[in-house]
N, C-alpha and C. Protein backbone atom coordinates (compact mmCIF):
# COMPACT_ATOMS: atom_id res chain seq x y z
N MET A 1 -134.06 222.71 -169.17
CA MET A 1 -133.65 221.79 -169.77
C MET A 1 -133.96 221.99 -171.42
N ALA A 2 -133.07 222.26 -172.15
CA ALA A 2 -133.17 223.16 -173.61
C ALA A 2 -133.07 221.94 -174.64
N HIS A 3 -133.58 220.83 -174.13
CA HIS A 3 -133.41 219.79 -175.41
C HIS A 3 -134.83 219.16 -175.79
N THR A 4 -135.14 218.70 -177.03
CA THR A 4 -136.45 218.31 -177.28
C THR A 4 -136.17 216.78 -177.48
N LYS A 5 -137.21 216.18 -177.19
CA LYS A 5 -137.58 214.51 -177.14
C LYS A 5 -137.39 214.01 -178.75
N ALA A 6 -137.25 212.66 -178.99
CA ALA A 6 -137.33 212.32 -180.14
C ALA A 6 -138.40 212.37 -180.99
N GLY A 7 -138.41 212.85 -182.19
CA GLY A 7 -140.11 213.17 -182.88
C GLY A 7 -140.38 212.44 -183.89
N GLY A 8 -139.57 211.32 -184.27
CA GLY A 8 -139.80 210.19 -184.97
C GLY A 8 -139.50 210.50 -186.56
N SER A 9 -140.07 210.10 -187.31
CA SER A 9 -139.95 210.33 -188.75
C SER A 9 -141.29 211.08 -189.22
N THR A 10 -140.94 211.84 -190.15
CA THR A 10 -142.15 212.57 -190.58
C THR A 10 -143.05 211.64 -191.49
N LYS A 11 -144.49 212.15 -191.30
CA LYS A 11 -144.99 211.33 -192.09
C LYS A 11 -145.60 211.75 -193.56
N THR A 12 -144.76 212.63 -194.02
CA THR A 12 -144.93 213.08 -195.44
C THR A 12 -144.00 212.82 -196.45
N ASN A 13 -142.92 212.01 -195.83
CA ASN A 13 -141.45 211.37 -196.45
C ASN A 13 -141.57 210.33 -197.40
N ARG A 14 -142.76 210.15 -198.00
CA ARG A 14 -142.72 209.00 -198.85
C ARG A 14 -143.06 209.26 -200.32
N ASP A 15 -142.53 208.65 -201.13
CA ASP A 15 -142.74 209.00 -202.43
C ASP A 15 -142.97 207.49 -203.23
N SER A 16 -143.84 207.76 -204.42
CA SER A 16 -144.15 206.54 -204.99
C SER A 16 -143.22 206.21 -206.16
N ASN A 17 -143.19 204.79 -206.52
CA ASN A 17 -142.38 204.61 -207.44
C ASN A 17 -142.81 205.17 -208.83
N SER A 18 -141.84 205.36 -209.75
CA SER A 18 -142.28 205.84 -211.07
C SER A 18 -143.00 204.85 -211.89
N LYS A 19 -143.87 205.13 -212.76
CA LYS A 19 -144.82 204.01 -213.47
C LYS A 19 -144.18 204.01 -214.73
N ARG A 20 -143.29 204.67 -215.37
CA ARG A 20 -142.66 204.63 -216.93
C ARG A 20 -143.55 204.70 -218.02
N LEU A 21 -144.56 205.68 -217.63
CA LEU A 21 -145.67 205.84 -218.67
C LEU A 21 -144.86 206.83 -219.62
N GLY A 22 -145.69 206.87 -221.09
CA GLY A 22 -145.53 207.90 -222.05
C GLY A 22 -145.19 206.87 -223.51
N VAL A 23 -144.41 207.37 -224.43
CA VAL A 23 -144.56 207.19 -225.52
C VAL A 23 -143.21 205.77 -225.86
N LYS A 24 -143.60 204.91 -226.19
CA LYS A 24 -142.74 203.83 -226.28
C LYS A 24 -142.03 203.59 -227.88
N LYS A 25 -142.89 203.60 -228.64
CA LYS A 25 -142.72 203.78 -230.23
C LYS A 25 -143.22 204.96 -230.79
N TYR A 26 -142.42 205.82 -231.43
CA TYR A 26 -142.55 207.14 -232.02
C TYR A 26 -143.18 206.85 -233.35
N GLY A 27 -143.94 207.88 -234.22
CA GLY A 27 -144.43 207.76 -235.19
C GLY A 27 -143.13 207.51 -236.37
N GLY A 28 -143.36 206.52 -237.37
CA GLY A 28 -142.62 206.06 -238.11
C GLY A 28 -141.81 204.90 -238.01
N GLU A 29 -141.76 204.64 -236.50
CA GLU A 29 -140.99 203.38 -236.17
C GLU A 29 -141.60 201.93 -236.52
N SER A 30 -141.09 201.10 -236.77
CA SER A 30 -141.85 199.55 -237.19
C SER A 30 -141.96 199.04 -235.99
N VAL A 31 -143.05 198.49 -235.94
CA VAL A 31 -143.68 197.68 -234.63
C VAL A 31 -144.00 196.09 -235.21
N LYS A 32 -143.62 195.28 -234.06
CA LYS A 32 -144.26 193.79 -234.67
C LYS A 32 -145.62 193.88 -233.72
N SER A 33 -146.38 193.04 -233.94
CA SER A 33 -147.66 192.56 -233.37
C SER A 33 -147.40 192.49 -231.89
N GLY A 34 -147.98 192.93 -230.85
CA GLY A 34 -147.93 192.87 -229.67
C GLY A 34 -146.92 193.77 -228.82
N ASN A 35 -146.20 194.58 -229.63
CA ASN A 35 -145.46 195.70 -229.15
C ASN A 35 -146.31 196.78 -228.58
N ILE A 36 -145.68 197.42 -227.52
CA ILE A 36 -146.36 198.43 -226.74
C ILE A 36 -146.14 199.88 -227.52
N ILE A 37 -147.11 200.77 -227.47
CA ILE A 37 -146.75 201.70 -228.35
C ILE A 37 -146.56 202.92 -227.42
N ILE A 38 -148.05 202.85 -226.54
CA ILE A 38 -147.90 203.83 -225.47
C ILE A 38 -148.29 203.39 -224.33
N ARG A 39 -147.83 203.83 -223.00
CA ARG A 39 -148.51 203.52 -221.73
C ARG A 39 -148.84 204.93 -221.27
N GLN A 40 -150.34 204.86 -220.67
CA GLN A 40 -150.96 206.20 -220.25
C GLN A 40 -151.95 205.85 -219.18
N LYS A 41 -152.18 206.99 -218.77
CA LYS A 41 -153.20 207.06 -217.42
C LYS A 41 -154.36 207.72 -218.26
N GLY A 42 -155.46 206.89 -218.03
CA GLY A 42 -156.83 207.50 -219.12
C GLY A 42 -156.25 207.61 -220.56
N SER A 43 -157.67 207.77 -221.09
CA SER A 43 -157.47 207.69 -222.76
C SER A 43 -157.14 208.91 -223.12
N HIS A 44 -155.84 209.61 -223.13
CA HIS A 44 -155.42 210.76 -223.82
C HIS A 44 -154.90 210.41 -225.29
N PHE A 45 -154.59 209.19 -225.75
CA PHE A 45 -154.35 208.67 -226.84
C PHE A 45 -155.51 207.64 -227.39
N PHE A 46 -156.17 207.69 -228.46
CA PHE A 46 -157.10 206.39 -228.85
C PHE A 46 -156.46 205.58 -229.83
N SER A 47 -156.76 204.36 -229.62
CA SER A 47 -156.45 203.44 -230.91
C SER A 47 -156.94 203.61 -231.99
N GLY A 48 -156.40 203.14 -232.99
CA GLY A 48 -157.12 203.28 -234.44
C GLY A 48 -156.86 202.03 -235.12
N VAL A 49 -156.70 201.85 -236.18
CA VAL A 49 -156.28 200.75 -237.07
C VAL A 49 -155.16 200.11 -236.78
N GLY A 50 -155.20 198.56 -236.65
CA GLY A 50 -154.13 198.11 -236.17
C GLY A 50 -153.43 198.07 -234.88
N THR A 51 -154.31 198.69 -233.94
CA THR A 51 -154.14 198.89 -232.46
C THR A 51 -155.47 198.48 -231.53
N LYS A 52 -154.73 198.30 -230.56
CA LYS A 52 -156.05 197.76 -229.61
C LYS A 52 -155.87 198.64 -228.03
N VAL A 53 -156.64 198.91 -227.16
CA VAL A 53 -156.29 199.43 -225.93
C VAL A 53 -156.70 198.12 -224.81
N GLY A 54 -155.58 197.96 -223.91
CA GLY A 54 -155.63 197.06 -222.63
C GLY A 54 -156.26 197.95 -221.83
N ASN A 55 -156.60 196.78 -220.58
CA ASN A 55 -157.33 197.57 -219.66
C ASN A 55 -156.92 198.69 -218.73
N ASP A 56 -155.35 198.96 -218.81
CA ASP A 56 -154.73 200.00 -218.22
C ASP A 56 -154.76 200.97 -218.95
N TYR A 57 -154.99 201.22 -220.31
CA TYR A 57 -155.06 202.40 -221.33
C TYR A 57 -153.84 202.28 -222.01
N THR A 58 -153.09 201.16 -222.09
CA THR A 58 -151.94 200.60 -222.84
C THR A 58 -152.44 200.55 -224.27
N ILE A 59 -151.75 201.36 -225.15
CA ILE A 59 -151.98 200.86 -226.66
C ILE A 59 -150.99 200.27 -227.05
N TYR A 60 -151.34 199.17 -227.91
CA TYR A 60 -150.32 198.01 -228.35
C TYR A 60 -150.75 197.69 -229.92
N ALA A 61 -149.63 197.20 -230.44
CA ALA A 61 -150.06 196.71 -231.89
C ALA A 61 -150.41 195.34 -231.95
N VAL A 62 -151.45 195.18 -232.85
CA VAL A 62 -151.95 193.98 -233.36
C VAL A 62 -151.53 193.55 -234.67
N THR A 63 -151.01 194.32 -235.45
CA THR A 63 -150.69 194.03 -236.76
C THR A 63 -149.34 194.35 -237.06
N SER A 64 -147.93 193.99 -237.80
CA SER A 64 -146.86 194.56 -237.98
C SER A 64 -146.83 195.70 -238.96
N GLY A 65 -146.15 196.65 -238.91
CA GLY A 65 -146.07 197.72 -239.54
C GLY A 65 -145.24 198.91 -239.01
N LYS A 66 -145.80 200.15 -239.54
CA LYS A 66 -145.39 201.59 -238.93
C LYS A 66 -146.35 202.14 -238.24
N VAL A 67 -145.57 202.90 -237.14
CA VAL A 67 -146.76 203.71 -236.48
C VAL A 67 -147.19 205.16 -236.85
N GLN A 68 -148.17 205.51 -237.00
CA GLN A 68 -148.55 206.56 -237.21
C GLN A 68 -149.58 207.46 -236.32
N PHE A 69 -149.11 208.80 -236.06
CA PHE A 69 -149.90 209.67 -235.16
C PHE A 69 -150.78 210.27 -235.78
N ILE A 70 -152.29 210.27 -235.93
CA ILE A 70 -153.07 211.06 -236.40
C ILE A 70 -153.98 211.97 -235.95
N LYS A 71 -154.74 212.91 -236.40
CA LYS A 71 -156.01 213.45 -235.62
C LYS A 71 -157.15 213.34 -236.20
N LYS A 72 -158.33 212.51 -235.72
CA LYS A 72 -159.46 212.52 -236.24
C LYS A 72 -160.44 212.98 -235.48
N ASN A 73 -161.43 213.59 -235.61
CA ASN A 73 -162.27 214.29 -235.21
C ASN A 73 -161.84 215.01 -233.85
N GLY A 74 -160.91 215.40 -234.03
CA GLY A 74 -160.29 216.20 -232.66
C GLY A 74 -159.72 215.17 -231.91
N LYS A 75 -159.53 214.16 -231.83
CA LYS A 75 -158.83 213.42 -231.19
C LYS A 75 -157.49 212.91 -231.61
N LYS A 76 -156.57 212.34 -230.77
CA LYS A 76 -155.50 211.86 -231.16
C LYS A 76 -155.24 210.40 -231.30
N VAL A 77 -155.07 209.98 -232.58
CA VAL A 77 -155.33 208.60 -232.84
C VAL A 77 -153.82 207.69 -233.31
N ILE A 78 -153.72 206.46 -232.97
CA ILE A 78 -152.72 205.93 -233.02
C ILE A 78 -153.07 204.66 -233.90
N GLN A 79 -152.50 204.50 -235.00
CA GLN A 79 -152.67 203.61 -236.04
C GLN A 79 -151.15 202.65 -236.47
N VAL A 80 -151.60 201.37 -237.03
CA VAL A 80 -150.31 200.82 -237.41
C VAL A 80 -150.61 200.50 -239.04
N ASN A 81 -149.78 201.09 -239.85
CA ASN A 81 -150.07 200.82 -241.19
C ASN A 81 -149.37 199.96 -241.57
N ALA A 82 -149.75 198.64 -241.91
CA ALA A 82 -149.05 197.41 -242.34
C ALA A 82 -148.21 197.38 -243.62
N THR A 83 -147.15 197.06 -243.54
CA THR A 83 -146.11 197.46 -244.93
C THR A 83 -145.74 196.21 -245.23
N ALA A 84 -145.51 195.85 -246.70
CA ALA A 84 -145.08 194.54 -247.06
C ALA A 84 -143.85 194.09 -246.42
N SER A 85 -143.06 195.23 -246.39
CA SER A 85 -141.36 194.94 -246.14
C SER A 85 -141.13 194.56 -244.39
N SER A 86 -142.22 194.85 -243.69
CA SER A 86 -142.31 194.37 -242.29
C SER A 86 -142.09 193.01 -242.24
N ALA A 87 -141.20 192.50 -241.68
CA ALA A 87 -141.11 191.07 -240.97
C ALA A 87 -141.33 190.76 -239.71
């Protein structure tokens, strides 16, 4: 008898759904209050002026203006500069 019985499905044949992380608004782009700028796992980027961090480390705008990426004390900081022309 040179056949094998049914082995069933493999245990390692699963994959998780992608979480759509990353930069959503780049430097120089205009944002409104509440727009998500970055979705991240952990604090890779830090919030600056005009931004806040959600409990899942999402950085979002709290003022309208233009997004700016800067380095401050060796940290990558995201801030929103309010402009008079943003509506």
